[in-house]
Amino acid sequence: MCKFGDMKLIGLLLMLLLLPVASPAHPLHLSVTNITLENGKLKISMKTFRDDWETAYFHFHSRVIDLTDPEERAKPWLTEYLHSHFKISLEEDSGLFPLVLDTIILDENTMTIEMDCSITPEPNSLYIYNALLTDIYPDQTNLLILGFKNKETGIKFDVKKHGAEVMLK
């Protein structure tokens, strides 16, 4: 015979199993990052899905977060995660450029993260590491477009490819 506590647990498990079916979700785990290098300044704009970040937070902290709340976005976790999963340097093993988080813009379902960094002198190449959310979603794809001197280079990062060197000259 089931006890009342067992029934509550079964009910909770059923609700968790059925909840994803009832909630609207996007079918792709994707980010698109645009980087421009102009006059010694890197400008980075990263467009992602807000709920992917909320899921990542839950994965690491076992707590729900609402990133529409500015106080929740101000928690150090987001910046720490960004700096450990998105890096730019001259070479794979060299010192990192100090990326500064400028703004976070929320639309209905998306979150755009804007960062910048000064780079002088102008480098011959950049090493870009982009493992955003690949530790949470095995199908995560991170597309990156780097614009420099009227040229654009596109790179696809995923669970198998986290880093790439881009020649600038």
Protein backbone atom coordinates (compact mmCIF):
# COMPACT_ATOMS: atom_id res chain seq x y z
CA MET A 1 0.00 0.00 0.00
CA CYS A 2 1.31 3.45 -0.93
CA LYS A 3 1.77 6.07 1.76
CA PHE A 4 0.71 9.68 1.27
CA GLY A 5 4.37 10.76 0.92
CA ASP A 6 4.90 8.17 -1.82
CA MET A 7 1.86 9.49 -3.69
CA LYS A 8 3.21 13.05 -3.50
CA LEU A 9 6.56 11.84 -4.87
CA ILE A 10 4.89 9.95 -7.70
CA GLY A 11 2.75 13.01 -8.50
CA LEU A 12 5.82 15.25 -8.53
CA LEU A 13 7.70 12.86 -10.84
CA LEU A 14 4.73 12.67 -13.22
CA MET A 15 4.49 16.46 -13.27
CA LEU A 16 8.22 16.77 -14.06
CA LEU A 17 7.94 14.21 -16.83
CA LEU A 18 4.94 15.91 -18.42
CA LEU A 19 6.06 19.51 -17.91
CA PRO A 20 8.54 19.69 -20.83
CA VAL A 21 5.83 18.47 -23.21
CA ALA A 22 3.47 21.21 -22.13
CA SER A 23 5.98 24.07 -22.10
CA PRO A 24 7.04 25.85 -25.29
CA ALA A 25 10.69 25.13 -26.05
CA HIS A 26 12.96 25.86 -28.93
CA PRO A 27 14.16 22.83 -30.92
CA LEU A 28 17.78 23.96 -31.32
CA HIS A 29 20.49 24.81 -28.84
CA LEU A 30 22.30 27.58 -30.65
CA SER A 31 24.28 30.75 -30.09
CA VAL A 32 25.40 33.26 -32.69
CA THR A 33 28.36 35.47 -31.85
CA ASN A 34 29.49 38.46 -33.90
CA ILE A 35 32.96 39.85 -33.26
CA THR A 36 34.41 42.91 -34.91
CA LEU A 37 38.00 44.07 -34.59
CA GLU A 38 38.31 47.72 -35.40
CA ASN A 39 40.77 50.40 -34.27
CA GLY A 40 42.29 48.12 -31.63
CA LYS A 41 38.96 47.20 -30.07
CA LEU A 42 37.13 43.87 -30.06
CA LYS A 43 33.35 44.22 -29.91
CA ILE A 44 31.47 41.03 -29.15
CA SER A 45 27.72 40.45 -29.43
CA MET A 46 26.51 37.00 -28.45
CA LYS A 47 22.87 36.05 -29.08
CA THR A 48 21.56 33.03 -27.15
CA PHE A 49 18.35 31.61 -25.74
CA ARG A 50 17.66 32.85 -22.20
CA ASP A 51 16.11 29.58 -21.04
CA ASP A 52 19.30 27.68 -21.99
CA TRP A 53 21.21 29.82 -19.46
CA GLU A 54 18.52 29.26 -16.83
CA THR A 55 18.79 25.51 -17.39
CA ALA A 56 22.57 25.71 -17.12
CA TYR A 57 22.26 27.57 -13.81
CA PHE A 58 19.88 24.89 -12.50
CA HIS A 59 22.30 22.20 -13.67
CA PHE A 60 25.16 23.67 -11.63
CA HIS A 61 23.28 25.02 -8.60
CA SER A 62 20.10 22.89 -8.33
CA ARG A 63 18.15 26.12 -8.04
CA VAL A 64 15.82 27.88 -10.43
CA ILE A 65 16.91 31.32 -11.66
CA ASP A 66 14.89 33.92 -13.56
CA LEU A 67 17.24 35.91 -15.77
CA THR A 68 14.54 38.47 -16.53
CA ASP A 69 15.26 39.73 -13.00
CA PRO A 70 18.25 42.15 -13.12
CA GLU A 71 19.38 41.05 -9.64
CA GLU A 72 19.57 37.42 -10.80
CA ARG A 73 21.59 38.45 -13.88
CA ALA A 74 23.98 40.37 -11.63
CA LYS A 75 25.01 37.21 -9.75
CA PRO A 76 28.67 36.33 -10.41
CA TRP A 77 27.80 32.92 -11.87
CA LEU A 78 26.93 34.28 -15.32
CA THR A 79 30.15 36.29 -15.67
CA GLU A 80 32.27 33.44 -14.27
CA TYR A 81 30.66 30.94 -16.65
CA LEU A 82 31.16 33.29 -19.61
CA HIS A 83 34.84 33.86 -18.80
CA SER A 84 35.53 30.14 -18.41
CA HIS A 85 33.65 29.06 -21.56
CA PHE A 86 34.37 31.94 -23.97
CA LYS A 87 37.96 33.17 -24.29
CA ILE A 88 40.04 35.08 -26.78
CA SER A 89 43.84 35.16 -26.82
CA LEU A 90 46.76 35.46 -29.23
CA GLU A 91 47.52 31.74 -29.02
CA GLU A 92 45.88 28.71 -27.46
CA ASP A 93 48.09 28.70 -24.38
CA SER A 94 48.84 32.42 -24.09
CA GLY A 95 47.35 35.06 -21.82
CA LEU A 96 43.69 35.85 -22.29
CA PHE A 97 42.35 39.20 -23.37
CA PRO A 98 40.32 40.75 -20.53
CA LEU A 99 36.80 40.67 -21.94
CA VAL A 100 34.51 43.18 -20.23
CA LEU A 101 30.79 42.43 -19.97
CA ASP A 102 29.02 45.61 -21.16
CA THR A 103 25.33 44.83 -21.36
CA ILE A 104 22.80 42.03 -21.36
CA ILE A 105 19.73 42.65 -23.50
CA LEU A 106 16.64 40.50 -23.09
CA ASP A 107 13.99 40.05 -25.72
CA GLU A 108 11.06 37.66 -25.42
CA ASN A 109 13.10 34.43 -25.56
CA THR A 110 16.59 35.60 -26.37
CA MET A 111 19.45 37.04 -24.39
CA THR A 112 22.13 39.12 -26.10
CA ILE A 113 25.40 39.51 -24.24
CA GLU A 114 27.68 42.35 -25.31
CA MET A 115 31.36 42.46 -24.35
CA ASP A 116 34.42 44.38 -25.47
CA CYS A 117 38.18 44.44 -25.11
CA SER A 118 41.06 46.64 -26.22
CA ILE A 119 43.83 44.97 -28.21
CA THR A 120 47.02 46.80 -29.07
CA PRO A 121 49.00 46.35 -31.15
CA GLU A 122 46.86 44.77 -33.84
CA PRO A 123 47.48 40.99 -33.80
CA ASN A 124 48.27 38.72 -36.75
CA SER A 125 45.87 36.06 -35.47
CA LEU A 126 43.44 35.29 -32.66
CA TYR A 127 42.70 32.08 -30.82
CA ILE A 128 39.01 31.80 -29.93
CA TYR A 129 37.66 29.30 -27.42
CA ASN A 130 33.87 28.94 -27.45
CA ALA A 131 32.42 26.12 -25.35
CA LEU A 132 29.28 27.96 -24.28
CA LEU A 133 26.63 25.55 -23.02
CA THR A 134 28.29 22.51 -24.65
CA ASP A 135 28.65 21.05 -21.15
CA ILE A 136 24.86 21.22 -20.77
CA TYR A 137 23.56 20.40 -24.25
CA PRO A 138 25.31 17.77 -26.40
CA ASP A 139 23.66 19.27 -29.50
CA GLN A 140 24.75 22.86 -28.73
CA THR A 141 26.12 24.74 -31.74
CA ASN A 142 27.95 28.04 -31.35
CA LEU A 143 28.30 29.96 -34.60
CA LEU A 144 30.80 32.81 -34.70
CA ILE A 145 31.38 35.50 -37.31
CA LEU A 146 34.57 37.56 -37.04
CA GLY A 147 34.71 40.79 -39.02
CA PHE A 148 38.07 42.41 -39.71
CA LYS A 149 39.05 44.85 -42.48
CA ASN A 150 36.04 44.21 -44.71
CA LYS A 151 36.49 40.43 -44.38
CA GLU A 152 34.33 38.01 -42.45
CA THR A 153 35.30 34.58 -41.18
CA GLY A 154 32.74 32.10 -39.93
CA ILE A 155 33.48 29.33 -37.43
CA LYS A 156 31.25 26.61 -36.02
CA PHE A 157 31.95 25.41 -32.48
CA ASP A 158 30.23 22.44 -30.90
CA VAL A 159 30.76 19.67 -28.38
CA LYS A 160 33.69 18.31 -30.45
CA LYS A 161 35.32 21.61 -31.43
CA HIS A 162 35.86 24.28 -28.78
CA GLY A 163 38.78 26.26 -30.15
CA ALA A 164 40.06 27.71 -33.41
CA GLU A 165 42.80 30.03 -34.61
CA VAL A 166 41.81 32.79 -37.01
CA MET A 167 44.46 34.42 -39.20
CA LEU A 168 43.90 38.17 -39.52
CA LYS A 169 46.66 39.11 -41.98
